[in-house]
Amino acid sequence: MKEKVRYTFIDLLRGWAIILMIEPHVFNTFLLPDLKQTGWFSIVTFINGLIAPAFLFVSGFVFEISSGSKLGDMRKFKLPFWKKLWRIISIILIGYALHLPYKSLSKIINKATPEQLQSFYAVDVLQCIGVGLLVLFALRLIIRSDKIYHYTLIGLTILATAISPIFWKTD
C-alpha cells in the first residue's frame, strides 16, 4: 500500500484556522465594549477576517491532493466517488443544520418567523466550502486534461474575483 504524504504546512494552517475560529467568539463575547473602540481591535478584526479564506484555501488544496490518486475510480462512479460526494454534501447540510431555528420540521414549518427562516437560508463559509468543492469535483470529473482543468480554475477564479463586487453591492 502506498504511504500517505502529510503536508505539515496544511496541518499548521488548519490548526491556526481552528484556533482563530474559536477566538473571535470568545474574545468578542467577553471583551469590554470600551476595549473594542481601541486601535488594536481593528487589527484583531482583520486577522479574524482571514479565517474563512484560510478554510476555503485549505479545503480546496486538500481536495486536490486527496482526489488525485483516486481520480480513475471516481470517474467510473466507484466507491471513492460516492464517499467524496457524500462528504461534500455533508458539509453543505451541516452548514444549513447550524442555522436551523428548531430541531423539529413541524416546528420549523409552523412556528418559524420570517427572520428565523431568513437566517436559515443565509450562506456562510461552510456552504461556500461545500459548493466550491462540488464545483471542483464536477470539473475534475468532466475535464480529463490537467492543463485544461488548471486553466479552467484560473479562469473561474478571475471571473469570481471580477464579479464579486457586483454581488457585494447587491442587497
Foldseek 3Di string as FASTA:
>chain_A
DDDDDDDVVLVVLVVVLVVLVPVVVVCVVPPDPVVCPDPCVVVNVVVSVCNLVSVLVSLVVVLVRVCPVVLVVLLVVHPVVVVLLVVLVVLLVVQLVVLQPDPDPVCCVPPDDPVSVVSSPDDDSSNVSSVVSVVLSVLSSPDPDPVVSVVVVVVVVVVCVVCVVVVVPDD
